[in-house]
Amino acid sequence: MPPLPTADIACPYCGETITLVVDDSAGDQQYIEDCHVCCKPIEVRVSVDEDGAVDVVAWGQDDA
């Protein structure tokens, strides 16, 4: 089984770059993941296109 893809994002709160492991087998999804540095909740949206390319968008809960 190939390794899961990763995505580097900047935390919308502290600005640190964190690496997320993305489960691309689940298709499009949206979830909350805590920053590994400041522990604040980050909204994450994962989109998987027809070719299997993964796009990750993240924002703070106060940005909604």
PDB file of N, CA and C in Angstrom:
ATOM      1  N   MET A   1       0.848  -1.175   0.000  1.00  0.00           N
ATOM      2  CA  MET A   1       0.000   0.000   0.000  1.00  0.00           C
ATOM      3  C   MET A   1       0.894   1.239   0.000  1.00  0.00           C
ATOM      4  N   PRO A   2       0.612   2.207  -0.889  1.00  0.00           N
ATOM      5  CA  PRO A   2       1.440   3.422  -0.931  1.00  0.00           C
ATOM      6  C   PRO A   2       1.201   4.281   0.311  1.00  0.00           C
ATOM      7  N   PRO A   3       2.196   5.078   0.678  1.00  0.00           N
ATOM      8  CA  PRO A   3       2.034   5.938   1.857  1.00  0.00           C
ATOM      9  C   PRO A   3       0.974   7.016   1.605  1.00  0.00           C
ATOM     10  N   LEU A   4       0.346   7.469   2.684  1.00  0.00           N
ATOM     11  CA  LEU A   4      -0.644   8.539   2.562  1.00  0.00           C
ATOM     12  C   LEU A   4       0.053   9.848   2.213  1.00  0.00           C
ATOM     13  N   PRO A   5      -0.607  10.682   1.409  1.00  0.00           N
ATOM     14  CA  PRO A   5       0.009  11.967   1.058  1.00  0.00           C
ATOM     15  C   PRO A   5       0.033  12.906   2.265  1.00  0.00           C
ATOM     16  N   THR A   6       0.927  13.883   2.208  1.00  0.00           N
ATOM     17  CA  THR A   6       1.007  14.886   3.258  1.00  0.00           C
ATOM     18  C   THR A   6       0.812  16.270   2.637  1.00  0.00           C
ATOM     19  N   ALA A   7       0.432  17.223   3.478  1.00  0.00           N
ATOM     20  CA  ALA A   7       0.279  18.608   3.041  1.00  0.00           C
ATOM     21  C   ALA A   7       0.843  19.512   4.121  1.00  0.00           C
ATOM     22  N   ASP A   8       1.697  20.448   3.725  1.00  0.00           N
ATOM     23  CA  ASP A   8       2.223  21.440   4.656  1.00  0.00           C
ATOM     24  C   ASP A   8       1.303  22.655   4.611  1.00  0.00           C
ATOM     25  N   ILE A   9       0.824  23.073   5.792  1.00  0.00           N
ATOM     26  CA  ILE A   9      -0.030  24.257   5.881  1.00  0.00           C
ATOM     27  C   ILE A   9       0.538  25.182   6.951  1.00  0.00           C
ATOM     28  N   ALA A  10       0.190  26.450   6.857  1.00  0.00           N
ATOM     29  CA  ALA A  10       0.559  27.416   7.892  1.00  0.00           C
ATOM     30  C   ALA A  10      -0.623  27.538   8.846  1.00  0.00           C
ATOM     31  N   CYS A  11      -0.375  27.406  10.135  1.00  0.00           N
ATOM     32  CA  CYS A  11      -1.432  27.556  11.129  1.00  0.00           C
ATOM     33  C   CYS A  11      -1.966  28.990  11.032  1.00  0.00           C
ATOM     34  N   PRO A  12      -3.297  29.150  10.941  1.00  0.00           N
ATOM     35  CA  PRO A  12      -3.861  30.499  10.843  1.00  0.00           C
ATOM     36  C   PRO A  12      -3.740  31.297  12.144  1.00  0.00           C
ATOM     37  N   TYR A  13      -3.360  30.641  13.224  1.00  0.00           N
ATOM     38  CA  TYR A  13      -3.238  31.309  14.518  1.00  0.00           C
ATOM     39  C   TYR A  13      -1.793  31.704  14.834  1.00  0.00           C
ATOM     40  N   CYS A  14      -0.894  30.716  14.818  1.00  0.00           N
ATOM     41  CA  CYS A  14       0.490  30.988  15.230  1.00  0.00           C
ATOM     42  C   CYS A  14       1.444  31.137  14.051  1.00  0.00           C
ATOM     43  N   GLY A  15       1.005  30.770  12.834  1.00  0.00           N
ATOM     44  CA  GLY A  15       1.832  30.931  11.644  1.00  0.00           C
ATOM     45  C   GLY A  15       2.854  29.830  11.403  1.00  0.00           C
ATOM     46  N   GLU A  16       2.976  28.899  12.325  1.00  0.00           N
ATOM     47  CA  GLU A  16       3.940  27.803  12.149  1.00  0.00           C
ATOM     48  C   GLU A  16       3.482  26.865  11.032  1.00  0.00           C
ATOM     49  N   THR A  17       4.429  26.337  10.287  1.00  0.00           N
ATOM     50  CA  THR A  17       4.121  25.345   9.261  1.00  0.00           C
ATOM     51  C   THR A  17       3.977  23.987   9.927  1.00  0.00           C
ATOM     52  N   ILE A  18       2.853  23.327   9.662  1.00  0.00           N
ATOM     53  CA  ILE A  18       2.639  21.980  10.193  1.00  0.00           C
ATOM     54  C   ILE A  18       2.343  21.054   9.019  1.00  0.00           C
ATOM     55  N   THR A  19       2.651  19.791   9.191  1.00  0.00           N
ATOM     56  CA  THR A  19       2.431  18.790   8.154  1.00  0.00           C
ATOM     57  C   THR A  19       1.241  17.926   8.536  1.00  0.00           C
ATOM     58  N   LEU A  20       0.259  17.868   7.651  1.00  0.00           N
ATOM     59  CA  LEU A  20      -0.916  17.027   7.855  1.00  0.00           C
ATOM     60  C   LEU A  20      -0.790  15.776   6.996  1.00  0.00           C
ATOM     61  N   VAL A  21      -1.149  14.637   7.542  1.00  0.00           N
ATOM     62  CA  VAL A  21      -1.245  13.403   6.772  1.00  0.00           C
ATOM     63  C   VAL A  21      -2.690  13.305   6.308  1.00  0.00           C
ATOM     64  N   VAL A  22      -2.880  13.169   5.001  1.00  0.00           N
ATOM     65  CA  VAL A  22      -4.214  13.211   4.403  1.00  0.00           C
ATOM     66  C   VAL A  22      -4.642  11.817   3.970  1.00  0.00           C
ATOM     67  N   ASP A  23      -5.822  11.385   4.449  1.00  0.00           N
ATOM     68  CA  ASP A  23      -6.376  10.102   4.024  1.00  0.00           C
ATOM     69  C   ASP A  23      -7.163  10.337   2.735  1.00  0.00           C
ATOM     70  N   ASP A  24      -6.488  10.205   1.609  1.00  0.00           N
ATOM     71  CA  ASP A  24      -7.127  10.474   0.322  1.00  0.00           C
ATOM     72  C   ASP A  24      -8.101   9.384  -0.106  1.00  0.00           C
ATOM     73  N   SER A  25      -8.131   8.252   0.583  1.00  0.00           N
ATOM     74  CA  SER A  25      -9.067   7.181   0.234  1.00  0.00           C
ATOM     75  C   SER A  25     -10.496   7.537   0.644  1.00  0.00           C
ATOM     76  N   ALA A  26     -10.656   8.541   1.506  1.00  0.00           N
ATOM     77  CA  ALA A  26     -11.987   8.942   1.966  1.00  0.00           C
ATOM     78  C   ALA A  26     -12.639   9.963   1.045  1.00  0.00           C
ATOM     79  N   GLY A  27     -11.942  10.400  -0.009  1.00  0.00           N
ATOM     80  CA  GLY A  27     -12.499  11.380  -0.927  1.00  0.00           C
ATOM     81  C   GLY A  27     -12.571  12.758  -0.300  1.00  0.00           C
ATOM     82  N   ASP A  28     -13.489  13.594  -0.802  1.00  0.00           N
ATOM     83  CA  ASP A  28     -13.636  14.946  -0.277  1.00  0.00           C
ATOM     84  C   ASP A  28     -14.105  14.875   1.179  1.00  0.00           C
ATOM     85  N   GLN A  29     -13.545  15.747   2.004  1.00  0.00           N
ATOM     86  CA  GLN A  29     -13.893  15.740   3.426  1.00  0.00           C
ATOM     87  C   GLN A  29     -13.584  17.086   4.058  1.00  0.00           C
ATOM     88  N   GLN A  30     -14.203  17.326   5.196  1.00  0.00           N
ATOM     89  CA  GLN A  30     -13.922  18.524   5.986  1.00  0.00           C
ATOM     90  C   GLN A  30     -13.900  18.095   7.443  1.00  0.00           C
ATOM     91  N   TYR A  31     -12.877  18.556   8.171  1.00  0.00           N
ATOM     92  CA  TYR A  31     -12.741  18.172   9.570  1.00  0.00           C
ATOM     93  C   TYR A  31     -11.937  19.220  10.326  1.00  0.00           C
ATOM     94  N   ILE A  32     -11.844  19.054  11.630  1.00  0.00           N
ATOM     95  CA  ILE A  32     -11.075  19.953  12.485  1.00  0.00           C
ATOM     96  C   ILE A  32      -9.861  19.201  12.998  1.00  0.00           C
ATOM     97  N   GLU A  33      -8.706  19.841  12.885  1.00  0.00           N
ATOM     98  CA  GLU A  33      -7.461  19.269  13.408  1.00  0.00           C
ATOM     99  C   GLU A  33      -6.774  20.343  14.247  1.00  0.00           C
ATOM    100  N   ASP A  34      -6.309  19.965  15.421  1.00  0.00           N
ATOM    101  CA  ASP A  34      -5.614  20.919  16.275  1.00  0.00           C
ATOM    102  C   ASP A  34      -4.201  21.161  15.761  1.00  0.00           C
ATOM    103  N   CYS A  35      -3.758  22.421  15.842  1.00  0.00           N
ATOM    104  CA  CYS A  35      -2.388  22.761  15.483  1.00  0.00           C
ATOM    105  C   CYS A  35      -1.438  21.992  16.389  1.00  0.00           C
ATOM    106  N   HIS A  36      -0.394  21.436  15.816  1.00  0.00           N
ATOM    107  CA  HIS A  36       0.581  20.659  16.597  1.00  0.00           C
ATOM    108  C   HIS A  36       1.466  21.550  17.444  1.00  0.00           C
ATOM    109  N   VAL A  37       1.422  22.871  17.205  1.00  0.00           N
ATOM    110  CA  VAL A  37       2.273  23.812  17.936  1.00  0.00           C
ATOM    111  C   VAL A  37       1.476  24.554  19.011  1.00  0.00           C
ATOM    112  N   CYS A  38       0.390  25.246  18.593  1.00  0.00           N
ATOM    113  CA  CYS A  38      -0.365  26.071  19.556  1.00  0.00           C
ATOM    114  C   CYS A  38      -1.649  25.418  20.050  1.00  0.00           C
ATOM    115  N   CYS A  39      -2.012  24.268  19.496  1.00  0.00           N
ATOM    116  CA  CYS A  39      -3.171  23.460  19.920  1.00  0.00           C
ATOM    117  C   CYS A  39      -4.532  24.083  19.619  1.00  0.00           C
ATOM    118  N   LYS A  40      -4.590  25.136  18.802  1.00  0.00           N
ATOM    119  CA  LYS A  40      -5.877  25.726  18.454  1.00  0.00           C
ATOM    120  C   LYS A  40      -6.498  24.948  17.290  1.00  0.00           C
ATOM    121  N   PRO A  41      -7.842  24.934  17.214  1.00  0.00           N
ATOM    122  CA  PRO A  41      -8.530  24.143  16.178  1.00  0.00           C
ATOM    123  C   PRO A  41      -8.467  24.795  14.802  1.00  0.00           C
ATOM    124  N   ILE A  42      -8.089  24.006  13.810  1.00  0.00           N
ATOM    125  CA  ILE A  42      -7.993  24.455  12.423  1.00  0.00           C
ATOM    126  C   ILE A  42      -9.027  23.686  11.604  1.00  0.00           C
ATOM    127  N   GLU A  43      -9.827  24.415  10.833  1.00  0.00           N
ATOM    128  CA  GLU A  43     -10.756  23.786   9.898  1.00  0.00           C
ATOM    129  C   GLU A  43      -9.957  23.356   8.674  1.00  0.00           C
ATOM    130  N   VAL A  44     -10.128  22.120   8.257  1.00  0.00           N
ATOM    131  CA  VAL A  44      -9.393  21.580   7.109  1.00  0.00           C
ATOM    132  C   VAL A  44     -10.392  21.038   6.098  1.00  0.00           C
ATOM    133  N   ARG A  45     -10.214  21.423   4.828  1.00  0.00           N
ATOM    134  CA  ARG A  45     -11.030  20.861   3.750  1.00  0.00           C
ATOM    135  C   ARG A  45     -10.101  20.172   2.768  1.00  0.00           C
ATOM    136  N   VAL A  46     -10.399  18.916   2.482  1.00  0.00           N
ATOM    137  CA  VAL A  46      -9.613  18.114   1.546  1.00  0.00           C
ATOM    138  C   VAL A  46     -10.487  17.817   0.333  1.00  0.00           C
ATOM    139  N   SER A  47      -9.951  18.099  -0.852  1.00  0.00           N
ATOM    140  CA  SER A  47     -10.636  17.768  -2.103  1.00  0.00           C
ATOM    141  C   SER A  47      -9.729  16.845  -2.902  1.00  0.00           C
ATOM    142  N   VAL A  48     -10.330  15.820  -3.483  1.00  0.00           N
ATOM    143  CA  VAL A  48      -9.589  14.881  -4.320  1.00  0.00           C
ATOM    144  C   VAL A  48     -10.236  14.905  -5.703  1.00  0.00           C
ATOM    145  N   ASP A  49      -9.452  15.243  -6.751  1.00  0.00           N
ATOM    146  CA  ASP A  49     -10.026  15.300  -8.096  1.00  0.00           C
ATOM    147  C   ASP A  49     -10.032  13.925  -8.759  1.00  0.00           C
ATOM    148  N   GLU A  50     -10.525  13.886 -10.008  1.00  0.00           N
ATOM    149  CA  GLU A  50     -10.671  12.609 -10.731  1.00  0.00           C
ATOM    150  C   GLU A  50      -9.340  11.890 -10.926  1.00  0.00           C
ATOM    151  N   ASP A  51      -8.243  12.669 -11.007  1.00  0.00           N
ATOM    152  CA  ASP A  51      -6.921  12.086 -11.218  1.00  0.00           C
ATOM    153  C   ASP A  51      -6.248  11.672  -9.916  1.00  0.00           C
ATOM    154  N   GLY A  52      -6.919  11.920  -8.773  1.00  0.00           N
ATOM    155  CA  GLY A  52      -6.349  11.557  -7.479  1.00  0.00           C
ATOM    156  C   GLY A  52      -5.496  12.641  -6.852  1.00  0.00           C
ATOM    157  N   ALA A  53      -5.430  13.822  -7.487  1.00  0.00           N
ATOM    158  CA  ALA A  53      -4.656  14.924  -6.911  1.00  0.00           C
ATOM    159  C   ALA A  53      -5.400  15.477  -5.691  1.00  0.00           C
ATOM    160  N   VAL A  54      -4.651  15.737  -4.635  1.00  0.00           N
ATOM    161  CA  VAL A  54      -5.229  16.195  -3.378  1.00  0.00           C
ATOM    162  C   VAL A  54      -4.982  17.693  -3.209  1.00  0.00           C
ATOM    163  N   ASP A  55      -6.037  18.426  -2.831  1.00  0.00           N
ATOM    164  CA  ASP A  55      -5.940  19.853  -2.532  1.00  0.00           C
ATOM    165  C   ASP A  55      -6.400  20.049  -1.093  1.00  0.00           C
ATOM    166  N   VAL A  56      -5.584  20.730  -0.283  1.00  0.00           N
ATOM    167  CA  VAL A  56      -5.908  20.954   1.123  1.00  0.00           C
ATOM    168  C   VAL A  56      -5.986  22.460   1.380  1.00  0.00           C
ATOM    169  N   VAL A  57      -7.093  22.885   1.993  1.00  0.00           N
ATOM    170  CA  VAL A  57      -7.302  24.276   2.376  1.00  0.00           C
ATOM    171  C   VAL A  57      -7.571  24.285   3.880  1.00  0.00           C
ATOM    172  N   ALA A  58      -6.929  25.241   4.588  1.00  0.00           N
ATOM    173  CA  ALA A  58      -7.120  25.308   6.043  1.00  0.00           C
ATOM    174  C   ALA A  58      -7.363  26.744   6.467  1.00  0.00           C
ATOM    175  N   TRP A  59      -8.188  26.937   7.488  1.00  0.00           N
ATOM    176  CA  TRP A  59      -8.474  28.255   8.017  1.00  0.00           C
ATOM    177  C   TRP A  59      -8.844  28.151   9.493  1.00  0.00           C
ATOM    178  N   GLY A  60      -8.764  29.270  10.193  1.00  0.00           N
ATOM    179  CA  GLY A  60      -9.120  29.305  11.603  1.00  0.00           C
ATOM    180  C   GLY A  60     -10.613  29.362  11.783  1.00  0.00           C
ATOM    181  N   GLN A  61     -11.100  28.897  12.912  1.00  0.00           N
ATOM    182  CA  GLN A  61     -12.547  28.882  13.152  1.00  0.00           C
ATOM    183  C   GLN A  61     -13.116  30.285  13.244  1.00  0.00           C
ATOM    184  N   ASP A  62     -12.319  31.266  13.593  1.00  0.00           N
ATOM    185  CA  ASP A  62     -12.817  32.632  13.661  1.00  0.00           C
ATOM    186  C   ASP A  62     -12.801  33.311  12.297  1.00  0.00           C
ATOM    187  N   ASP A  63     -12.335  32.610  11.243  1.00  0.00           N
ATOM    188  CA  ASP A  63     -12.317  33.147   9.879  1.00  0.00           C
ATOM    189  C   ASP A  63     -13.568  32.770   9.097  1.00  0.00           C
ATOM    190  N   ALA A  64     -14.442  31.970   9.683  1.00  0.00           N
ATOM    191  CA  ALA A  64     -15.613  31.451   8.959  1.00  0.00           C
ATOM    192  C   ALA A  64     -16.604  32.526   8.587  1.00  0.00           C
TER     193      ALA A  64
END
